[in-house]
C-alpha cells in the first residue's frame, strides 16, 4: 500500500521537476509507474527515472535497478536515517554516472532540498572530508522523518 508520505513526495517531485523546467521547456512528458519507477520524465535530450523513497532501508534493492544507460534520481526525506544510510553505502552509489539523490523537506523554513551526485562528488571530493561536506549540505535543510511528514500532511 502506498503511504501518504510517498504519494505526497511524488506530487512534490512532479511540482519540483516542472518548476525547474519552466525556462528550459525540455519536458516532453511525465509518466507514473513506467518500468516500475515512481516517475519517468522524457526530456527533449534524455530520459530520467525517479524513485521516491521516504525512508531508505535497503540500498541494494535500489542499486539493482540502476545502470549507466539512463539518468536516475532518488527522492528521499532529509532525515538523519536517510543521510546515514547514504553515507554508509556511498561506495555502492558512486558507480552510477547519472544518479542524483534529492534530500527534501517540503516544509522546511530554510531550503526545501539539497542534491548530491555521488559519482561526480566522489571524483572532486577528498574521501576524508566526505561526511563533513555532506553534513554541511544536510544542515541547509531542516531534517524531517516520515512520521513528521505524515503528521503534517494529515493534520
Foldseek 3Di string as FASTA:
>chain_A
DDDPLQVVVLVVVVVVVCVVCVVVVFWPDKDAQVVHAGIWTHGNVFIEGEHEDAADDDVVVVLVPADQPHAYEYEYALAPRRLVVCLVCLVSQLVHQRYKYWHADCPWPFDGIDMDRSVVCVVVDDNVCVSVVVVVRSVRTDGDHSVRSSVVVVD
